[in-house]
Amino acid sequence: MQTFNRAIYLVNGNMDDAQIEQELNQTLPKLAASIKQLKIIQTNDLEELVSCSREAAEHIDLLIIHGGDGTIHQVINSIAPLPKRPTVAIIPGGTCNDFSRMLGLPQNLKKAAAVIADGKTASIDLGQYEDSYFLNFWGVGMIADASNNIDEDQKARLGVLSYFISTMRTVNQAEPFAFEMEIDGARLAGEAVMILVMNGRFIGTREFAGPDIRPDDGKLHVIFVKNSNLTSFKELLQIKQDKTVLSDLTEVDILEAEKIRFHSPAGKPIDMDGEVYRETLGEVKILPGHLDMIIGE
């Protein structure tokens, strides 16, 4: 277990004051008792969130991020290129909190703070796509289209359910696209409705990738979904079952990789950790053990 002397606690400022006060009341007692110097910063916007994390990184030994997957993604991208990076801890404060689930962190705020106070850490892999980084996944096809189709008002009202509604809407519109890539130097081409490059195994709170996918194994797992039919979704859900023989799957293929270079499709948006980007072509690779992070059981 590790002890921390100097920490910054970043709070995403998109919450109202009453919600922030309520959530801090659940997390601060445990954290303040275990960290010698703890500074709380409530950011007003994304730009401030990114600049605060980057500027503080070399002066602290723990960076606590209170927010959802989008907030985590932006902060990680701000500190990943730095030569000196603090240990990172997550207080799950979003809709899905997928990567915190992968790290075994409780979704209850008070319990998550207790895990951080215990100080159990692990060196966690990070995915890199050109000059950007991802903790959980990189995806093209249905995954990016579903993110684009999310209704923000619906998300505010319905939470996780809005992701499933968007997914169902996207499935009805999905068409296969041609792809060409190199996986660790081997050329591969075909058609798919979705390609996922996984470092984690949760998307939209659902665990659908196998238990052999870990964020500390030094590998990426590339999942190809060939069609948007019932068989494809059944096979995606079957991946995590120990008895599943991957070679028996007909609509889903899975490969391990350290480096992937995409030659096509061009012009399709990509999704990294739920954030949509506008380019597809480029290199995706694994950075083994790039971040020290607080983990649960």
Protein backbone atom coordinates (compact mmCIF):
# COMPACT_ATOMS: atom_id res chain seq x y z
CA MET A 1 0.00 0.00 0.00
CA GLN A 2 1.20 3.48 -0.84
CA THR A 3 0.90 6.67 1.18
CA PHE A 4 0.55 10.08 -0.45
CA ASN A 5 1.82 13.43 0.80
CA ARG A 6 0.49 15.89 -1.78
CA ALA A 7 -2.70 15.45 -3.76
CA ILE A 8 -5.05 17.50 -5.89
CA TYR A 9 -8.73 16.59 -6.04
CA LEU A 10 -10.26 17.77 -9.33
CA VAL A 11 -14.03 18.15 -9.38
CA ASN A 12 -15.81 18.52 -12.70
CA GLY A 13 -17.64 21.83 -12.47
CA ASN A 14 -20.61 20.76 -14.59
CA MET A 15 -22.45 19.71 -11.41
CA ASP A 16 -24.54 22.18 -9.44
CA ASP A 17 -23.28 23.42 -6.08
CA ALA A 18 -25.71 21.32 -4.03
CA GLN A 19 -24.65 18.12 -5.78
CA ILE A 20 -20.96 18.93 -5.40
CA GLU A 21 -21.40 19.62 -1.68
CA GLN A 22 -23.34 16.40 -1.19
CA GLU A 23 -20.76 14.29 -3.01
CA LEU A 24 -17.75 15.92 -1.34
CA ASN A 25 -19.32 15.22 2.05
CA GLN A 26 -19.15 11.54 1.15
CA THR A 27 -15.55 11.49 -0.09
CA LEU A 28 -13.54 14.12 1.78
CA PRO A 29 -13.52 12.69 5.34
CA LYS A 30 -11.66 9.53 4.28
CA LEU A 31 -9.35 11.31 1.87
CA ALA A 32 -8.43 14.17 4.19
CA ALA A 33 -7.58 11.73 6.97
CA SER A 34 -5.12 9.78 4.80
CA ILE A 35 -3.41 12.49 2.68
CA LYS A 36 -1.15 15.09 4.31
CA GLN A 37 -1.82 17.92 1.84
CA LEU A 38 -5.06 17.78 -0.12
CA LYS A 39 -6.14 20.63 -2.39
CA ILE A 40 -9.62 20.68 -3.95
CA ILE A 41 -10.15 22.40 -7.31
CA GLN A 42 -13.60 22.81 -8.83
CA THR A 43 -13.08 23.51 -12.53
CA ASN A 44 -15.40 25.74 -14.53
CA ASP A 45 -14.86 24.18 -17.95
CA LEU A 46 -12.89 21.58 -19.89
CA GLU A 47 -10.02 23.95 -20.65
CA GLU A 48 -9.48 24.66 -16.95
CA LEU A 49 -9.75 20.96 -16.10
CA VAL A 50 -7.01 20.09 -18.57
CA SER A 51 -4.69 22.96 -17.63
CA CYS A 52 -5.03 22.33 -13.88
CA SER A 53 -4.15 18.66 -14.21
CA ARG A 54 -1.18 19.33 -16.50
CA GLU A 55 0.25 22.17 -14.42
CA ALA A 56 -0.10 20.28 -11.13
CA ALA A 57 1.27 16.94 -12.33
CA GLU A 58 4.94 17.39 -11.44
CA HIS A 59 4.21 18.91 -8.01
CA ILE A 60 1.96 16.18 -6.59
CA ASP A 61 2.11 12.45 -6.04
CA LEU A 62 -1.64 11.79 -6.38
CA LEU A 63 -4.22 13.22 -8.79
CA ILE A 64 -7.82 12.44 -7.81
CA ILE A 65 -10.37 12.89 -10.60
CA HIS A 66 -14.04 13.17 -9.63
CA GLY A 67 -16.08 12.72 -12.79
CA GLY A 68 -17.30 10.44 -15.54
CA ASP A 69 -15.54 8.67 -18.39
CA GLY A 70 -15.32 11.82 -20.53
CA THR A 71 -13.67 13.77 -17.71
CA ILE A 72 -11.23 10.93 -17.03
CA HIS A 73 -10.38 10.73 -20.74
CA GLN A 74 -9.56 14.45 -20.98
CA VAL A 75 -7.42 14.51 -17.84
CA ILE A 76 -5.48 11.40 -18.87
CA ASN A 77 -4.78 12.99 -22.26
CA SER A 78 -3.38 16.06 -20.51
CA ILE A 79 -0.87 14.16 -18.34
CA ALA A 80 -0.02 11.10 -20.48
CA PRO A 81 2.71 12.87 -22.55
CA LEU A 82 4.46 14.25 -19.45
CA PRO A 83 7.77 12.75 -18.29
CA LYS A 84 6.62 12.83 -14.65
CA ARG A 85 3.08 11.64 -13.98
CA PRO A 86 1.37 11.36 -10.60
CA THR A 87 -0.57 8.31 -9.47
CA VAL A 88 -4.17 8.69 -10.67
CA ALA A 89 -7.29 7.89 -8.65
CA ILE A 90 -10.89 7.94 -9.87
CA ILE A 91 -13.98 8.96 -7.92
CA PRO A 92 -16.79 7.68 -10.21
CA GLY A 93 -19.06 10.63 -10.89
CA GLY A 94 -20.49 10.01 -14.35
CA THR A 95 -23.20 8.03 -16.09
CA CYS A 96 -21.33 4.80 -16.88
CA ASN A 97 -17.94 4.99 -15.10
CA ASP A 98 -16.65 2.12 -17.23
CA PHE A 99 -12.95 2.30 -16.50
CA SER A 100 -13.45 2.66 -12.75
CA ARG A 101 -15.40 -0.61 -12.95
CA MET A 102 -12.48 -2.23 -14.77
CA LEU A 103 -10.17 -1.15 -11.93
CA GLY A 104 -12.46 -2.81 -9.40
CA LEU A 105 -13.45 0.49 -7.78
CA PRO A 106 -16.76 0.69 -5.90
CA GLN A 107 -19.40 2.85 -7.56
CA ASN A 108 -20.44 4.13 -4.13
CA LEU A 109 -18.60 7.42 -3.51
CA LYS A 110 -17.81 6.81 0.15
CA LYS A 111 -16.47 3.32 -0.57
CA ALA A 112 -14.44 4.58 -3.54
CA ALA A 113 -12.81 7.19 -1.28
CA ALA A 114 -11.96 4.46 1.23
CA VAL A 115 -10.24 2.44 -1.51
CA ILE A 116 -8.18 5.49 -2.49
CA ALA A 117 -7.24 6.05 1.15
CA ASP A 118 -5.98 2.45 1.32
CA GLY A 119 -3.51 3.30 -1.46
CA LYS A 120 -3.35 0.04 -3.42
CA THR A 121 -1.81 0.81 -6.84
CA ALA A 122 -0.99 -0.96 -10.09
CA SER A 123 0.84 0.03 -13.27
CA ILE A 124 -1.88 0.33 -15.92
CA ASP A 125 -1.50 0.17 -19.70
CA LEU A 126 -2.58 3.08 -21.86
CA GLY A 127 -3.65 3.01 -25.50
CA GLN A 128 -2.22 5.64 -27.83
CA TYR A 129 -3.75 6.78 -31.12
CA GLU A 130 -1.44 9.24 -32.88
CA ASP A 131 -1.21 12.13 -30.37
CA SER A 132 -4.21 11.06 -28.27
CA TYR A 133 -4.65 8.43 -25.56
CA PHE A 134 -7.37 6.11 -24.31
CA LEU A 135 -7.80 4.06 -21.15
CA ASN A 136 -10.73 1.89 -22.11
CA PHE A 137 -11.35 1.56 -25.85
CA TRP A 138 -10.85 2.86 -29.38
CA GLY A 139 -13.67 2.15 -31.81
CA VAL A 140 -14.97 2.79 -35.31
CA GLY A 141 -18.35 2.00 -36.83
CA MET A 142 -21.43 1.43 -34.66
CA ILE A 143 -19.71 2.47 -31.43
CA ALA A 144 -18.89 5.96 -32.76
CA ASP A 145 -22.29 6.28 -34.44
CA ALA A 146 -24.03 5.37 -31.16
CA SER A 147 -22.06 8.05 -29.31
CA ASN A 148 -23.04 10.61 -31.95
CA ASN A 149 -26.70 9.57 -31.67
CA ILE A 150 -26.96 10.12 -27.90
CA ASP A 151 -29.55 12.75 -27.02
CA GLU A 152 -28.01 14.90 -24.24
CA ASP A 153 -31.41 15.82 -22.75
CA GLN A 154 -32.36 12.15 -22.75
CA LYS A 155 -29.01 11.30 -21.14
CA ALA A 156 -29.69 13.79 -18.34
CA ARG A 157 -33.14 12.27 -17.70
CA LEU A 158 -32.47 8.57 -18.26
CA GLY A 159 -28.76 8.08 -17.54
CA VAL A 160 -27.40 4.71 -18.71
CA LEU A 161 -30.69 3.87 -20.45
CA SER A 162 -30.00 6.64 -22.98
CA TYR A 163 -26.94 4.70 -24.21
CA PHE A 164 -29.02 1.60 -24.87
CA ILE A 165 -31.67 3.66 -26.69
CA SER A 166 -28.95 5.21 -28.86
CA THR A 167 -27.44 1.78 -29.54
CA MET A 168 -30.77 0.35 -30.70
CA ARG A 169 -31.31 3.38 -32.94
CA THR A 170 -27.82 2.93 -34.42
CA VAL A 171 -28.19 -0.82 -35.01
CA ASN A 172 -31.12 -0.21 -37.35
CA GLN A 173 -28.97 2.13 -39.46
CA ALA A 174 -25.68 0.18 -39.44
CA GLU A 175 -24.07 -0.93 -42.69
CA PRO A 176 -20.79 -2.86 -43.07
CA PHE A 177 -17.72 -0.88 -44.14
CA ALA A 178 -14.53 -2.13 -45.77
CA PHE A 179 -11.34 -2.00 -43.71
CA GLU A 180 -7.65 -2.57 -44.30
CA MET A 181 -5.08 -2.64 -41.52
CA GLU A 182 -1.85 -4.11 -40.22
CA ILE A 183 -1.81 -5.91 -36.87
CA ASP A 184 1.75 -6.27 -35.57
CA GLY A 185 2.91 -6.16 -39.18
CA ALA A 186 0.41 -8.70 -40.59
CA ARG A 187 -1.93 -7.33 -43.27
CA LEU A 188 -5.67 -7.82 -42.71
CA ALA A 189 -8.70 -6.73 -44.76
CA GLY A 190 -12.43 -7.37 -44.66
CA GLU A 191 -15.80 -5.85 -43.77
CA ALA A 192 -17.35 -5.03 -40.40
CA VAL A 193 -20.01 -2.87 -38.80
CA MET A 194 -17.76 -2.19 -35.81
CA ILE A 195 -14.11 -2.56 -34.84
CA LEU A 196 -13.15 -2.18 -31.18
CA VAL A 197 -9.62 -1.96 -29.82
CA MET A 198 -9.99 -2.79 -26.14
CA ASN A 199 -7.76 -2.04 -23.16
CA GLY A 200 -10.67 -2.39 -20.72
CA ARG A 201 -13.72 -4.62 -20.95
CA PHE A 202 -16.71 -2.45 -19.97
CA ILE A 203 -18.74 -0.28 -22.35
CA GLY A 204 -21.96 1.40 -21.21
CA THR A 205 -21.66 -0.43 -17.83
CA ARG A 206 -21.85 -3.78 -19.66
CA GLU A 207 -18.99 -6.24 -19.29
CA PHE A 208 -18.89 -8.00 -22.62
CA ALA A 209 -15.24 -8.77 -23.27
CA GLY A 210 -13.54 -11.76 -21.71
CA PRO A 211 -11.81 -11.89 -18.33
CA ASP A 212 -8.47 -12.39 -20.11
CA ILE A 213 -8.66 -8.73 -21.18
CA ARG A 214 -6.84 -6.79 -18.47
CA PRO A 215 -5.50 -3.24 -18.42
CA ASP A 216 -2.12 -4.46 -17.20
CA ASP A 217 -1.39 -7.28 -19.68
CA GLY A 218 0.64 -5.22 -22.16
CA LYS A 219 -1.75 -6.05 -25.00
CA LEU A 220 -4.69 -4.62 -26.90
CA HIS A 221 -7.58 -6.82 -27.98
CA VAL A 222 -9.12 -6.11 -31.39
CA ILE A 223 -12.77 -7.14 -31.74
CA PHE A 224 -14.38 -7.27 -35.19
CA VAL A 225 -18.19 -7.35 -35.40
CA LYS A 226 -19.21 -8.37 -38.92
CA ASN A 227 -22.95 -7.61 -38.97
CA SER A 228 -25.60 -5.85 -36.88
CA ASN A 229 -27.76 -8.92 -36.32
CA LEU A 230 -28.95 -10.87 -33.29
CA THR A 231 -26.19 -13.46 -33.66
CA SER A 232 -23.51 -10.76 -33.44
CA PHE A 233 -24.87 -9.42 -30.16
CA LYS A 234 -25.30 -12.89 -28.69
CA GLU A 235 -21.68 -13.68 -29.55
CA LEU A 236 -20.46 -10.40 -28.03
CA LEU A 237 -22.14 -11.36 -24.77
CA GLN A 238 -20.75 -14.90 -24.98
CA ILE A 239 -17.13 -13.71 -25.18
CA LYS A 240 -16.90 -13.26 -21.42
CA GLN A 241 -18.05 -16.82 -20.69
CA ASP A 242 -15.19 -19.20 -19.89
CA LYS A 243 -16.77 -22.04 -21.87
CA THR A 244 -16.92 -20.01 -25.10
CA VAL A 245 -14.61 -21.32 -27.86
CA LEU A 246 -13.62 -18.20 -29.79
CA SER A 247 -12.94 -20.14 -32.99
CA ASP A 248 -16.61 -21.23 -33.01
CA LEU A 249 -17.88 -17.65 -33.30
CA THR A 250 -19.17 -16.74 -36.76
CA GLU A 251 -19.98 -13.02 -36.45
CA VAL A 252 -17.24 -11.86 -34.07
CA ASP A 253 -13.45 -12.20 -34.37
CA ILE A 254 -10.91 -11.33 -31.65
CA LEU A 255 -7.16 -10.78 -32.08
CA GLU A 256 -4.42 -9.64 -29.70
CA ALA A 257 -2.10 -6.84 -30.74
CA GLU A 258 0.55 -4.43 -29.59
CA LYS A 259 0.41 -2.14 -32.62
CA ILE A 260 -2.32 -1.60 -35.24
CA ARG A 261 -2.07 0.60 -38.31
CA PHE A 262 -5.32 1.50 -40.06
CA HIS A 263 -5.12 2.13 -43.83
CA SER A 264 -8.91 2.31 -44.31
CA PRO A 265 -11.73 3.25 -43.83
CA ALA A 266 -11.01 6.92 -44.36
CA GLY A 267 -13.28 9.67 -43.10
CA LYS A 268 -15.26 7.68 -40.52
CA PRO A 269 -15.41 9.13 -36.99
CA ILE A 270 -13.75 7.21 -34.19
CA ASP A 271 -14.70 6.92 -30.54
CA MET A 272 -12.16 6.85 -27.73
CA ASP A 273 -13.57 6.26 -24.25
CA GLY A 274 -16.91 7.74 -25.35
CA GLU A 275 -15.39 10.87 -26.93
CA VAL A 276 -15.87 11.14 -30.70
CA TYR A 277 -12.97 12.20 -32.93
CA ARG A 278 -13.12 12.94 -36.65
CA GLU A 279 -10.32 10.90 -38.19
CA THR A 280 -9.77 7.17 -38.67
CA LEU A 281 -6.45 6.53 -40.36
CA GLY A 282 -3.39 6.15 -38.17
CA GLU A 283 -1.61 3.98 -35.65
CA VAL A 284 -2.99 2.56 -32.42
CA LYS A 285 -0.53 1.05 -29.95
CA ILE A 286 -0.20 -0.03 -26.35
CA LEU A 287 1.96 1.79 -23.79
CA PRO A 288 2.55 -0.90 -21.14
CA GLY A 289 2.37 0.24 -17.51
CA HIS A 290 2.27 3.90 -18.51
CA LEU A 291 0.15 5.08 -15.56
CA ASP A 292 0.14 4.17 -11.89
CA MET A 293 -3.47 4.07 -10.74
CA ILE A 294 -5.40 3.28 -7.57
CA ILE A 295 -7.18 -0.06 -7.88
CA GLY A 296 -9.80 -1.93 -5.90
CA GLU A 297 -10.33 -5.65 -5.49
